Amino acid sequence: MAKFRYVYTTFWNDPRVVEEMTAEDKYFFLYLLTNESTTQIGIYQITKKQIAFDMGYSMESAGALLQRFKDHYKIIKYNEETREIAIKNWGKYNLNRGGKPILDCVRSELKEVKDTSLIQWVGEGVPNDSVRNVYESYYDTSHDSYNDKSENEESSNDAGSYDTSTISGQKEKENKKENKKEKQTTEEEVSQSSVTEEQLIFLTKYSMTKTFNVHQDSFVNA
């Protein structure tokens, strides 16, 4: 079955296209809308190498164009890990109608999307209610909760690290005090033991002298 994409003639009258985009930007934008990898849902997988090959550019030029459309124009999102690209207003021009064939195609393609956060980003711009409902059924609410969880974990980790450092500081001070006390106690014990040794030496000498005197007296008296 032949595959084709809509490009409205109003593309050339869009103020942003006319006033902001260079000839290279317009060429690149048309490529993103019509290349062989495009899907019915406006989210598809494509590598920078493939873009460069199709357009006759270097990989650096292809990367620069992707970056400009992502950060400056903000009309695409590109996941560097999954190599998936999402086009913001895709649904506005390509998903105006519903019907079972369209809905079945959308469902089958949404199942293949790896970065599910892209589904909501594109789905919000889908004008047809039945098609948008299908997008909404694939919204990954855990994506937002994951970010909130990560932020909370970072905050708790920051708080935890602060408390740990404070407790460590207190313990360090307490240890220093304990070490100082132990050192003083040891010095006092050493001092006391040294005095005791001196006393023992004195007493020993005194005892020996007294004993000698007693023996001498006994000898004289004898």
N, C-alpha and C. Protein backbone atom coordinates (compact mmCIF):
# COMPACT_ATOMS: atom_id res chain seq x y z
N MET A 1 0.85 -1.19 0.00
CA MET A 1 0.00 0.00 0.00
C MET A 1 0.88 1.24 0.00
N ALA A 2 0.53 2.21 -0.80
CA ALA A 2 1.30 3.45 -0.91
C ALA A 2 1.22 4.24 0.38
N LYS A 3 2.33 4.83 0.76
CA LYS A 3 2.37 5.64 1.97
C LYS A 3 2.65 7.08 1.59
N PHE A 4 1.83 7.99 2.11
CA PHE A 4 2.04 9.40 1.78
C PHE A 4 1.74 10.25 3.02
N ARG A 5 2.24 11.49 3.01
CA ARG A 5 2.03 12.42 4.11
C ARG A 5 1.47 13.73 3.57
N TYR A 6 0.64 14.36 4.40
CA TYR A 6 0.05 15.64 4.01
C TYR A 6 1.04 16.78 4.28
N VAL A 7 1.18 17.65 3.31
CA VAL A 7 1.89 18.92 3.51
C VAL A 7 0.95 20.01 2.99
N TYR A 8 0.40 20.78 3.89
CA TYR A 8 -0.56 21.82 3.51
C TYR A 8 0.17 22.98 2.84
N THR A 9 -0.52 23.59 1.89
CA THR A 9 0.09 24.76 1.20
C THR A 9 0.29 25.92 2.16
N THR A 10 -0.46 25.91 3.27
CA THR A 10 -0.31 26.99 4.27
C THR A 10 1.05 26.92 4.96
N PHE A 11 1.76 25.81 4.74
CA PHE A 11 3.12 25.69 5.30
C PHE A 11 3.96 26.89 4.89
N TRP A 12 3.80 27.32 3.64
CA TRP A 12 4.63 28.39 3.10
C TRP A 12 4.16 29.78 3.55
N ASN A 13 2.98 29.84 4.16
CA ASN A 13 2.46 31.12 4.65
C ASN A 13 2.59 31.27 6.16
N ASP A 14 3.06 30.23 6.80
CA ASP A 14 3.23 30.28 8.26
C ASP A 14 4.25 31.36 8.60
N PRO A 15 3.86 32.34 9.44
CA PRO A 15 4.78 33.45 9.78
C PRO A 15 6.12 32.98 10.32
N ARG A 16 6.09 31.92 11.08
CA ARG A 16 7.35 31.44 11.66
C ARG A 16 8.25 30.86 10.57
N VAL A 17 7.65 30.13 9.64
CA VAL A 17 8.41 29.56 8.53
C VAL A 17 8.95 30.67 7.64
N VAL A 18 8.12 31.65 7.37
CA VAL A 18 8.50 32.74 6.45
C VAL A 18 9.56 33.66 7.07
N GLU A 19 9.37 34.03 8.33
CA GLU A 19 10.23 35.05 8.94
C GLU A 19 11.44 34.49 9.69
N GLU A 20 11.31 33.31 10.25
CA GLU A 20 12.39 32.80 11.10
C GLU A 20 13.26 31.73 10.45
N MET A 21 12.67 30.89 9.63
CA MET A 21 13.43 29.76 9.10
C MET A 21 14.23 30.13 7.86
N THR A 22 15.44 29.60 7.84
CA THR A 22 16.29 29.74 6.66
C THR A 22 15.85 28.72 5.61
N ALA A 23 16.41 28.80 4.42
CA ALA A 23 16.10 27.82 3.37
C ALA A 23 16.47 26.41 3.83
N GLU A 24 17.57 26.31 4.55
CA GLU A 24 18.01 25.01 5.08
C GLU A 24 17.02 24.48 6.10
N ASP A 25 16.50 25.38 6.96
CA ASP A 25 15.52 24.98 7.96
C ASP A 25 14.23 24.46 7.30
N LYS A 26 13.79 25.15 6.28
CA LYS A 26 12.56 24.73 5.58
C LYS A 26 12.75 23.36 4.93
N TYR A 27 13.89 23.16 4.34
CA TYR A 27 14.23 21.88 3.70
C TYR A 27 14.23 20.76 4.75
N PHE A 28 14.83 21.05 5.89
CA PHE A 28 14.91 20.05 6.95
C PHE A 28 13.53 19.75 7.54
N PHE A 29 12.71 20.79 7.70
CA PHE A 29 11.38 20.60 8.25
C PHE A 29 10.53 19.73 7.32
N LEU A 30 10.59 20.00 6.03
CA LEU A 30 9.85 19.18 5.06
C LEU A 30 10.35 17.73 5.07
N TYR A 31 11.65 17.57 5.28
CA TYR A 31 12.20 16.22 5.37
C TYR A 31 11.62 15.48 6.58
N LEU A 32 11.55 16.17 7.73
CA LEU A 32 11.01 15.54 8.94
C LEU A 32 9.55 15.12 8.76
N LEU A 33 8.81 15.86 7.94
CA LEU A 33 7.39 15.59 7.73
C LEU A 33 7.13 14.50 6.69
N THR A 34 8.10 14.24 5.83
CA THR A 34 7.81 13.38 4.68
C THR A 34 8.79 12.22 4.46
N ASN A 35 9.81 12.07 5.31
CA ASN A 35 10.81 11.02 5.04
C ASN A 35 10.23 9.62 5.21
N GLU A 36 10.93 8.63 4.73
CA GLU A 36 10.46 7.25 4.67
C GLU A 36 10.17 6.65 6.05
N SER A 37 10.80 7.19 7.10
CA SER A 37 10.63 6.62 8.45
C SER A 37 9.40 7.15 9.18
N THR A 38 8.73 8.17 8.64
CA THR A 38 7.57 8.75 9.33
C THR A 38 6.47 7.73 9.54
N THR A 39 5.67 7.97 10.58
CA THR A 39 4.57 7.08 10.92
C THR A 39 3.26 7.87 10.97
N GLN A 40 2.18 7.17 11.22
CA GLN A 40 0.87 7.81 11.31
C GLN A 40 0.73 8.63 12.58
N ILE A 41 1.51 8.32 13.60
CA ILE A 41 1.35 8.96 14.91
C ILE A 41 2.28 10.15 15.14
N GLY A 42 3.19 10.41 14.22
CA GLY A 42 4.09 11.56 14.39
C GLY A 42 5.26 11.30 15.31
N ILE A 43 5.49 10.04 15.64
CA ILE A 43 6.65 9.63 16.45
C ILE A 43 7.32 8.48 15.72
N TYR A 44 8.57 8.63 15.41
CA TYR A 44 9.24 7.55 14.68
C TYR A 44 10.73 7.51 15.03
N GLN A 45 11.33 6.39 14.72
CA GLN A 45 12.74 6.18 15.04
C GLN A 45 13.60 6.47 13.82
N ILE A 46 14.61 7.28 14.02
CA ILE A 46 15.54 7.61 12.94
C ILE A 46 16.87 8.05 13.54
N THR A 47 17.94 7.66 12.89
CA THR A 47 19.28 8.00 13.40
C THR A 47 19.81 9.26 12.71
N LYS A 48 20.75 9.90 13.35
CA LYS A 48 21.39 11.07 12.74
C LYS A 48 22.14 10.67 11.47
N LYS A 49 22.67 9.47 11.51
CA LYS A 49 23.39 8.97 10.33
C LYS A 49 22.46 8.85 9.13
N GLN A 50 21.23 8.37 9.37
CA GLN A 50 20.24 8.24 8.30
C GLN A 50 19.82 9.61 7.76
N ILE A 51 19.61 10.55 8.68
CA ILE A 51 19.25 11.92 8.28
C ILE A 51 20.35 12.52 7.42
N ALA A 52 21.58 12.37 7.86
CA ALA A 52 22.72 12.91 7.12
C ALA A 52 22.82 12.29 5.73
N PHE A 53 22.61 10.99 5.65
CA PHE A 53 22.68 10.30 4.36
C PHE A 53 21.58 10.76 3.41
N ASP A 54 20.34 10.84 3.92
CA ASP A 54 19.21 11.24 3.08
C ASP A 54 19.33 12.67 2.57
N MET A 55 19.86 13.55 3.42
CA MET A 55 19.90 14.97 3.06
C MET A 55 21.22 15.39 2.42
N GLY A 56 22.20 14.48 2.45
CA GLY A 56 23.49 14.83 1.88
C GLY A 56 24.32 15.72 2.79
N TYR A 57 24.07 15.63 4.10
CA TYR A 57 24.78 16.44 5.08
C TYR A 57 25.77 15.57 5.87
N SER A 58 26.64 16.22 6.59
CA SER A 58 27.50 15.50 7.54
C SER A 58 26.67 15.22 8.79
N MET A 59 27.14 14.28 9.61
CA MET A 59 26.42 13.96 10.84
C MET A 59 26.40 15.15 11.80
N GLU A 60 27.46 15.96 11.75
CA GLU A 60 27.52 17.15 12.60
C GLU A 60 26.43 18.15 12.19
N SER A 61 26.23 18.32 10.89
CA SER A 61 25.20 19.24 10.40
C SER A 61 23.81 18.72 10.75
N ALA A 62 23.60 17.42 10.61
CA ALA A 62 22.32 16.82 10.96
C ALA A 62 22.03 16.99 12.45
N GLY A 63 23.06 16.79 13.27
CA GLY A 63 22.90 16.98 14.72
C GLY A 63 22.59 18.41 15.08
N ALA A 64 23.24 19.35 14.38
CA ALA A 64 23.01 20.77 14.65
C ALA A 64 21.58 21.18 14.29
N LEU A 65 21.06 20.64 13.18
CA LEU A 65 19.69 20.94 12.77
C LEU A 65 18.69 20.38 13.77
N LEU A 66 18.91 19.16 14.21
CA LEU A 66 18.04 18.57 15.23
C LEU A 66 18.03 19.42 16.50
N GLN A 67 19.21 19.86 16.89
CA GLN A 67 19.32 20.67 18.10
C GLN A 67 18.59 21.99 17.94
N ARG A 68 18.68 22.61 16.77
CA ARG A 68 18.02 23.89 16.54
C ARG A 68 16.50 23.75 16.56
N PHE A 69 16.00 22.70 15.94
CA PHE A 69 14.55 22.49 15.91
C PHE A 69 14.02 22.08 17.30
N LYS A 70 14.87 21.48 18.08
CA LYS A 70 14.47 21.05 19.42
C LYS A 70 14.53 22.20 20.42
N ASP A 71 15.62 22.94 20.45
CA ASP A 71 15.83 23.97 21.47
C ASP A 71 15.36 25.36 21.05
N HIS A 72 15.52 25.69 19.78
CA HIS A 72 15.15 27.05 19.32
C HIS A 72 13.69 27.11 18.87
N TYR A 73 13.34 26.27 17.93
CA TYR A 73 11.96 26.29 17.42
C TYR A 73 10.99 25.53 18.33
N LYS A 74 11.52 24.57 19.07
CA LYS A 74 10.71 23.77 20.01
C LYS A 74 9.52 23.08 19.32
N ILE A 75 9.73 22.57 18.14
CA ILE A 75 8.65 21.88 17.43
C ILE A 75 8.93 20.38 17.28
N ILE A 76 10.05 19.93 17.80
CA ILE A 76 10.34 18.49 17.84
C ILE A 76 10.97 18.14 19.18
N LYS A 77 10.93 16.84 19.48
CA LYS A 77 11.70 16.29 20.59
C LYS A 77 12.45 15.09 20.03
N TYR A 78 13.69 14.93 20.49
CA TYR A 78 14.50 13.81 20.01
C TYR A 78 15.17 13.13 21.19
N ASN A 79 14.90 11.83 21.31
CA ASN A 79 15.50 11.04 22.37
C ASN A 79 16.80 10.42 21.86
N GLU A 80 17.92 10.84 22.43
CA GLU A 80 19.22 10.38 21.97
C GLU A 80 19.44 8.89 22.22
N GLU A 81 18.78 8.34 23.23
CA GLU A 81 18.97 6.93 23.56
C GLU A 81 18.14 6.01 22.67
N THR A 82 16.86 6.34 22.50
CA THR A 82 15.98 5.48 21.70
C THR A 82 16.00 5.86 20.22
N ARG A 83 16.61 7.01 19.90
CA ARG A 83 16.66 7.53 18.52
C ARG A 83 15.25 7.81 17.98
N GLU A 84 14.35 8.23 18.87
CA GLU A 84 12.98 8.53 18.46
C GLU A 84 12.77 10.04 18.37
N ILE A 85 12.06 10.45 17.35
CA ILE A 85 11.74 11.85 17.14
C ILE A 85 10.23 12.03 17.18
N ALA A 86 9.76 13.12 17.77
CA ALA A 86 8.34 13.43 17.85
C ALA A 86 8.12 14.83 17.30
N ILE A 87 7.08 15.00 16.49
CA ILE A 87 6.76 16.28 15.86
C ILE A 87 5.53 16.87 16.55
N LYS A 88 5.68 18.06 17.09
CA LYS A 88 4.67 18.67 17.96
C LYS A 88 3.28 18.74 17.32
N ASN A 89 3.15 19.37 16.16
CA ASN A 89 1.83 19.61 15.56
C ASN A 89 1.46 18.58 14.49
N TRP A 90 2.01 17.40 14.61
CA TRP A 90 1.74 16.36 13.62
C TRP A 90 0.24 16.06 13.53
N GLY A 91 -0.41 15.88 14.66
CA GLY A 91 -1.82 15.51 14.68
C GLY A 91 -2.73 16.57 14.08
N LYS A 92 -2.31 17.83 14.16
CA LYS A 92 -3.12 18.92 13.63
C LYS A 92 -3.33 18.80 12.14
N TYR A 93 -2.35 18.25 11.43
CA TYR A 93 -2.42 18.17 9.97
C TYR A 93 -2.62 16.75 9.45
N ASN A 94 -2.37 15.75 10.29
CA ASN A 94 -2.43 14.37 9.80
C ASN A 94 -3.46 13.48 10.50
N LEU A 95 -4.05 13.96 11.57
CA LEU A 95 -5.00 13.13 12.32
C LEU A 95 -6.32 13.86 12.54
N ASN A 96 -6.85 14.44 11.49
CA ASN A 96 -8.12 15.14 11.58
C ASN A 96 -9.31 14.19 11.56
N ARG A 97 -9.12 13.02 11.00
CA ARG A 97 -10.20 12.05 10.87
C ARG A 97 -9.96 10.85 11.78
N GLY A 98 -11.11 10.23 12.15
CA GLY A 98 -11.03 9.01 12.94
C GLY A 98 -11.35 7.80 12.07
N GLY A 99 -12.12 6.89 12.62
CA GLY A 99 -12.47 5.69 11.88
C GLY A 99 -11.62 4.51 12.32
N LYS A 100 -12.16 3.32 12.16
CA LYS A 100 -11.49 2.11 12.64
C LYS A 100 -10.11 1.89 12.02
N PRO A 101 -9.94 2.03 10.71
CA PRO A 101 -8.59 1.81 10.15
C PRO A 101 -7.54 2.73 10.75
N ILE A 102 -7.93 4.01 10.93
CA ILE A 102 -6.99 4.98 11.51
C ILE A 102 -6.69 4.63 12.96
N LEU A 103 -7.74 4.33 13.72
CA LEU A 103 -7.56 4.02 15.14
C LEU A 103 -6.72 2.76 15.34
N ASP A 104 -6.96 1.76 14.52
CA ASP A 104 -6.17 0.52 14.61
C ASP A 104 -4.70 0.78 14.29
N CYS A 105 -4.47 1.60 13.29
CA CYS A 105 -3.09 1.93 12.90
C CYS A 105 -2.40 2.70 14.01
N VAL A 106 -3.12 3.67 14.59
CA VAL A 106 -2.55 4.48 15.67
C VAL A 106 -2.21 3.59 16.87
N ARG A 107 -3.11 2.70 17.23
CA ARG A 107 -2.86 1.81 18.37
C ARG A 107 -1.62 0.94 18.14
N SER A 108 -1.53 0.37 16.96
CA SER A 108 -0.41 -0.54 16.69
C SER A 108 0.93 0.20 16.71
N GLU A 109 0.91 1.46 16.25
CA GLU A 109 2.16 2.23 16.24
C GLU A 109 2.51 2.78 17.62
N LEU A 110 1.51 3.15 18.39
CA LEU A 110 1.78 3.65 19.75
C LEU A 110 2.40 2.56 20.62
N LYS A 111 2.05 1.31 20.37
CA LYS A 111 2.62 0.20 21.14
C LYS A 111 4.12 0.07 20.94
N GLU A 112 4.61 0.54 19.81
CA GLU A 112 6.03 0.40 19.48
C GLU A 112 6.90 1.53 20.02
N VAL A 113 6.27 2.57 20.55
CA VAL A 113 7.03 3.72 21.05
C VAL A 113 7.75 3.35 22.34
N LYS A 114 9.03 3.61 22.39
CA LYS A 114 9.84 3.27 23.57
C LYS A 114 9.82 4.40 24.61
N ASP A 115 9.97 5.64 24.15
CA ASP A 115 9.90 6.78 25.06
C ASP A 115 8.44 7.25 25.11
N THR A 116 7.69 6.73 26.07
CA THR A 116 6.26 7.01 26.13
C THR A 116 5.92 8.45 26.49
N SER A 117 6.89 9.21 26.99
CA SER A 117 6.62 10.62 27.29
C SER A 117 6.35 11.41 26.01
N LEU A 118 6.84 10.91 24.89
CA LEU A 118 6.61 11.58 23.60
C LEU A 118 5.15 11.46 23.16
N ILE A 119 4.47 10.41 23.61
CA ILE A 119 3.08 10.18 23.21
C ILE A 119 2.18 11.32 23.69
N GLN A 120 2.33 11.70 24.95
CA GLN A 120 1.51 12.78 25.48
C GLN A 120 1.86 14.11 24.82
N TRP A 121 3.14 14.31 24.56
CA TRP A 121 3.59 15.57 23.95
C TRP A 121 2.94 15.77 22.58
N VAL A 122 2.83 14.72 21.79
CA VAL A 122 2.19 14.81 20.47
C VAL A 122 0.67 14.73 20.61
N GLY A 123 0.17 13.87 21.50
CA GLY A 123 -1.27 13.65 21.65
C GLY A 123 -2.05 14.89 22.03
N GLU A 124 -1.43 15.80 22.78
CA GLU A 124 -2.13 17.02 23.19
C GLU A 124 -2.52 17.90 22.01
N GLY A 125 -1.87 17.71 20.87
CA GLY A 125 -2.18 18.53 19.70
C GLY A 125 -3.09 17.84 18.69
N VAL A 126 -3.62 16.66 19.04
CA VAL A 126 -4.50 15.93 18.13
C VAL A 126 -5.92 16.50 18.23
N PRO A 127 -6.50 17.01 17.14
CA PRO A 127 -7.83 17.63 17.20
C PRO A 127 -8.99 16.65 17.27
N ASN A 128 -8.84 15.47 16.69
CA ASN A 128 -9.92 14.49 16.66
C ASN A 128 -10.04 13.79 18.02
N ASP A 129 -11.25 13.83 18.59
CA ASP A 129 -11.45 13.30 19.94
C ASP A 129 -11.18 11.80 20.03
N SER A 130 -11.68 11.03 19.08
CA SER A 130 -11.51 9.57 19.14
C SER A 130 -10.04 9.19 19.05
N VAL A 131 -9.30 9.89 18.19
CA VAL A 131 -7.87 9.60 18.05
C VAL A 131 -7.11 10.05 19.30
N ARG A 132 -7.48 11.21 19.82
CA ARG A 132 -6.80 11.72 21.02
C ARG A 132 -7.04 10.80 22.21
N ASN A 133 -8.23 10.21 22.29
CA ASN A 133 -8.52 9.26 23.37
C ASN A 133 -7.59 8.05 23.32
N VAL A 134 -7.26 7.62 22.11
CA VAL A 134 -6.32 6.50 21.97
C VAL A 134 -4.94 6.91 22.49
N TYR A 135 -4.51 8.12 22.13
CA TYR A 135 -3.23 8.63 22.64
C TYR A 135 -3.25 8.66 24.17
N GLU A 136 -4.35 9.16 24.73
CA GLU A 136 -4.44 9.31 26.18
C GLU A 136 -4.37 7.97 26.89
N SER A 137 -4.86 6.92 26.23
CA SER A 137 -4.80 5.59 26.85
C SER A 137 -3.37 5.07 26.95
N TYR A 138 -2.46 5.71 26.23
CA TYR A 138 -1.05 5.29 26.26
C TYR A 138 -0.16 6.29 27.01
N TYR A 139 -0.80 7.30 27.62
CA TYR A 139 -0.01 8.26 28.39
C TYR A 139 0.68 7.54 29.53
N ASP A 140 1.94 7.85 29.72
CA ASP A 140 2.71 7.24 30.79
C ASP A 140 2.75 8.19 31.97
N THR A 141 1.77 8.06 32.88
CA THR A 141 1.71 8.95 34.04
C THR A 141 2.87 8.67 34.99
N SER A 142 3.43 7.47 34.91
CA SER A 142 4.56 7.14 35.78
C SER A 142 5.79 7.95 35.42
N HIS A 143 5.79 8.51 34.18
CA HIS A 143 6.95 9.32 33.77
C HIS A 143 7.08 10.55 34.65
N ASP A 144 5.93 11.24 34.89
CA ASP A 144 5.94 12.42 35.74
C ASP A 144 6.22 12.05 37.19
N SER A 145 5.56 10.96 37.64
CA SER A 145 5.78 10.55 39.02
C SER A 145 7.23 10.13 39.24
N TYR A 146 7.84 9.57 38.19
CA TYR A 146 9.25 9.19 38.29
C TYR A 146 10.12 10.43 38.49
N ASN A 147 9.82 11.50 37.73
CA ASN A 147 10.58 12.73 37.88
C ASN A 147 10.40 13.32 39.26
N ASP A 148 9.12 13.29 39.76
CA ASP A 148 8.86 13.81 41.09
C ASP A 148 9.62 12.99 42.13
N LYS A 149 9.61 11.66 41.92
CA LYS A 149 10.30 10.78 42.85
C LYS A 149 11.79 11.06 42.85
N SER A 150 12.34 11.29 41.66
CA SER A 150 13.78 11.57 41.55
C SER A 150 14.13 12.86 42.27
N GLU A 151 13.24 13.89 42.09
CA GLU A 151 13.49 15.17 42.74
C GLU A 151 13.41 15.02 44.25
N ASN A 152 12.39 14.23 44.72
CA ASN A 152 12.26 14.02 46.15
C ASN A 152 13.45 13.27 46.72
N GLU A 153 13.92 12.28 45.95
CA GLU A 153 15.08 11.51 46.41
C GLU A 153 16.32 12.39 46.48
N GLU A 154 16.46 13.28 45.48
CA GLU A 154 17.60 14.18 45.49
C GLU A 154 17.55 15.11 46.70
N SER A 155 16.30 15.62 46.99
CA SER A 155 16.14 16.52 48.13
C SER A 155 16.45 15.80 49.43
N SER A 156 15.89 14.56 49.54
CA SER A 156 16.13 13.80 50.76
C SER A 156 17.60 13.43 50.89
N ASN A 157 18.24 13.16 49.76
CA ASN A 157 19.67 12.84 49.79
C ASN A 157 20.48 14.03 50.23
N ASP A 158 20.08 15.22 49.72
CA ASP A 158 20.78 16.44 50.13
C ASP A 158 20.61 16.67 51.62
N ALA A 159 19.34 16.52 52.08
CA ALA A 159 19.06 16.72 53.50
C ALA A 159 19.80 15.69 54.33
N GLY A 160 19.78 14.45 53.85
CA GLY A 160 20.44 13.38 54.57
C GLY A 160 21.93 13.61 54.68
N SER A 161 22.54 14.07 53.61
CA SER A 161 23.98 14.31 53.63
C SER A 161 24.32 15.43 54.58
N TYR A 162 23.41 16.43 54.68
CA TYR A 162 23.66 17.55 55.60
C TYR A 162 23.61 17.05 57.03
N ASP A 163 22.57 16.25 57.34
CA ASP A 163 22.43 15.72 58.69
C ASP A 163 23.60 14.83 59.05
N THR A 164 24.02 14.02 58.12
CA THR A 164 25.13 13.11 58.36
C THR A 164 26.40 13.87 58.68
N SER A 165 26.64 14.92 57.91
CA SER A 165 27.85 15.70 58.16
C SER A 165 27.79 16.37 59.52
N THR A 166 26.56 16.83 59.92
CA THR A 166 26.41 17.48 61.21
C THR A 166 26.65 16.49 62.33
N ILE A 167 26.05 15.31 62.20
CA ILE A 167 26.23 14.27 63.21
C ILE A 167 27.69 13.84 63.29
N SER A 168 28.32 13.73 62.12
CA SER A 168 29.73 13.34 62.09
C SER A 168 30.58 14.38 62.80
N GLY A 169 30.22 15.66 62.59
CA GLY A 169 30.96 16.73 63.25
C GLY A 169 30.83 16.65 64.76
N GLN A 170 29.58 16.40 65.22
CA GLN A 170 29.36 16.28 66.65
C GLN A 170 30.12 15.10 67.23
N LYS A 171 30.06 13.98 66.51
CA LYS A 171 30.78 12.79 66.99
C LYS A 171 32.28 13.04 67.04
N GLU A 172 32.75 13.77 66.03
CA GLU A 172 34.19 14.05 65.99
C GLU A 172 34.60 14.89 67.19
N LYS A 173 33.75 15.89 67.52
CA LYS A 173 34.05 16.73 68.69
C LYS A 173 34.02 15.90 69.96
N GLU A 174 32.98 15.02 70.07
CA GLU A 174 32.88 14.17 71.25
C GLU A 174 34.08 13.24 71.37
N ASN A 175 34.50 12.70 70.23
CA ASN A 175 35.68 11.81 70.25
C ASN A 175 36.93 12.55 70.69
N LYS A 176 37.06 13.81 70.22
CA LYS A 176 38.22 14.61 70.63
C LYS A 176 38.21 14.84 72.14
N LYS A 177 36.99 15.13 72.67
CA LYS A 177 36.89 15.35 74.10
C LYS A 177 37.24 14.08 74.87
N GLU A 178 36.71 12.95 74.39
CA GLU A 178 37.00 11.67 75.04
C GLU A 178 38.48 11.35 75.02
N ASN A 179 39.10 11.60 73.84
CA ASN A 179 40.54 11.34 73.70
C ASN A 179 41.35 12.23 74.65
N LYS A 180 40.88 13.49 74.78
CA LYS A 180 41.58 14.44 75.65
C LYS A 180 41.48 13.98 77.10
N LYS A 181 40.25 13.53 77.48
CA LYS A 181 40.06 13.05 78.85
C LYS A 181 40.91 11.83 79.12
N GLU A 182 40.91 10.89 78.14
CA GLU A 182 41.70 9.67 78.30
C GLU A 182 43.18 10.00 78.43
N LYS A 183 43.61 11.00 77.63
CA LYS A 183 45.02 11.40 77.67
C LYS A 183 45.38 11.97 79.04
N GLN A 184 44.44 12.83 79.56
CA GLN A 184 44.68 13.42 80.88
C GLN A 184 44.71 12.34 81.95
N THR A 185 43.76 11.41 81.84
CA THR A 185 43.69 10.32 82.82
C THR A 185 44.95 9.47 82.79
N THR A 186 45.42 9.20 81.57
CA THR A 186 46.63 8.40 81.40
C THR A 186 47.83 9.11 81.99
N GLU A 187 47.91 10.44 81.74
CA GLU A 187 49.05 11.21 82.27
C GLU A 187 49.03 11.22 83.80
N GLU A 188 47.79 11.35 84.36
CA GLU A 188 47.68 11.35 85.81
C GLU A 188 48.08 10.00 86.39
N GLU A 189 47.62 8.93 85.69
CA GLU A 189 47.97 7.59 86.16
C GLU A 189 49.46 7.37 86.09
N VAL A 190 50.05 7.83 84.97
CA VAL A 190 51.50 7.70 84.84
C VAL A 190 52.21 8.48 85.91
N SER A 191 51.69 9.69 86.16
CA SER A 191 52.30 10.54 87.20
C SER A 191 52.20 9.86 88.56
N GLN A 192 50.99 9.32 88.83
CA GLN A 192 50.79 8.66 90.11
C GLN A 192 51.68 7.43 90.24
N SER A 193 51.78 6.68 89.13
CA SER A 193 52.59 5.46 89.18
C SER A 193 54.06 5.80 89.35
N SER A 194 54.51 6.93 88.75
CA SER A 194 55.91 7.33 88.90
C SER A 194 56.19 7.75 90.33
N VAL A 195 55.23 8.43 90.96
CA VAL A 195 55.40 8.83 92.36
C VAL A 195 55.46 7.58 93.23
N THR A 196 54.61 6.65 92.95
CA THR A 196 54.56 5.40 93.71
C THR A 196 55.89 4.66 93.60
N GLU A 197 56.46 4.66 92.40
CA GLU A 197 57.75 3.99 92.22
C GLU A 197 58.84 4.67 93.03
N GLU A 198 58.82 6.01 93.02
CA GLU A 198 59.81 6.76 93.81
C GLU A 198 59.66 6.43 95.30
N GLN A 199 58.37 6.40 95.69
CA GLN A 199 58.14 6.08 97.11
C GLN A 199 58.65 4.67 97.45
N LEU A 200 58.41 3.73 96.55
CA LEU A 200 58.85 2.36 96.78
C LEU A 200 60.37 2.28 96.88
N ILE A 201 61.03 3.03 95.99
CA ILE A 201 62.50 3.04 96.02
C ILE A 201 63.00 3.62 97.34
N PHE A 202 62.32 4.72 97.75
CA PHE A 202 62.72 5.36 99.01
C PHE A 202 62.51 4.41 100.18
N LEU A 203 61.32 3.77 100.19
CA LEU A 203 61.01 2.87 101.28
C LEU A 203 61.96 1.67 101.30
N THR A 204 62.30 1.20 100.13
CA THR A 204 63.22 0.06 100.04
C THR A 204 64.58 0.43 100.61
N LYS A 205 65.07 1.61 100.18
CA LYS A 205 66.36 2.08 100.70
C LYS A 205 66.31 2.28 102.21
N TYR A 206 65.17 2.89 102.66
CA TYR A 206 65.01 3.16 104.10
C TYR A 206 64.99 1.85 104.88
N SER A 207 64.28 0.86 104.33
CA SER A 207 64.17 -0.43 105.01
C SER A 207 65.53 -1.12 105.09
N MET A 208 66.29 -1.03 103.99
CA MET A 208 67.60 -1.66 103.96
C MET A 208 68.53 -0.99 104.96
N THR A 209 68.45 0.34 105.03
CA THR A 209 69.31 1.09 105.95
C THR A 209 68.97 0.73 107.39
N LYS A 210 67.68 0.66 107.66
CA LYS A 210 67.24 0.35 109.02
C LYS A 210 67.66 -1.05 109.41
N THR A 211 67.56 -1.96 108.47
CA THR A 211 67.96 -3.34 108.75
C THR A 211 69.46 -3.44 109.02
N PHE A 212 70.23 -2.70 108.23
CA PHE A 212 71.68 -2.69 108.42
C PHE A 212 72.05 -2.14 109.78
N ASN A 213 71.34 -1.07 110.19
CA ASN A 213 71.62 -0.45 111.49
C ASN A 213 71.30 -1.40 112.63
N VAL A 214 70.22 -2.17 112.44
CA VAL A 214 69.83 -3.12 113.49
C VAL A 214 70.88 -4.21 113.62
N HIS A 215 71.37 -4.70 112.48
CA HIS A 215 72.41 -5.72 112.50
C HIS A 215 73.70 -5.19 113.10
N GLN A 216 73.99 -3.93 112.75
CA GLN A 216 75.22 -3.32 113.30
C GLN A 216 75.14 -3.18 114.80
N ASP A 217 73.99 -2.77 115.28
CA ASP A 217 73.81 -2.60 116.73
C ASP A 217 73.95 -3.95 117.42
N SER A 218 73.38 -4.96 116.76
CA SER A 218 73.44 -6.32 117.34
C SER A 218 74.91 -6.79 117.40
N PHE A 219 75.67 -6.48 116.39
CA PHE A 219 77.06 -6.89 116.35
C PHE A 219 77.87 -6.17 117.42
N VAL A 220 77.57 -4.88 117.55
CA VAL A 220 78.32 -4.08 118.55
C VAL A 220 78.00 -4.56 119.93
N ASN A 221 76.73 -4.76 120.22
CA ASN A 221 76.30 -5.17 121.53
C ASN A 221 76.80 -6.58 121.86
N ALA A 222 76.91 -7.40 120.82
CA ALA A 222 77.41 -8.73 121.07
C ALA A 222 78.87 -8.66 121.48
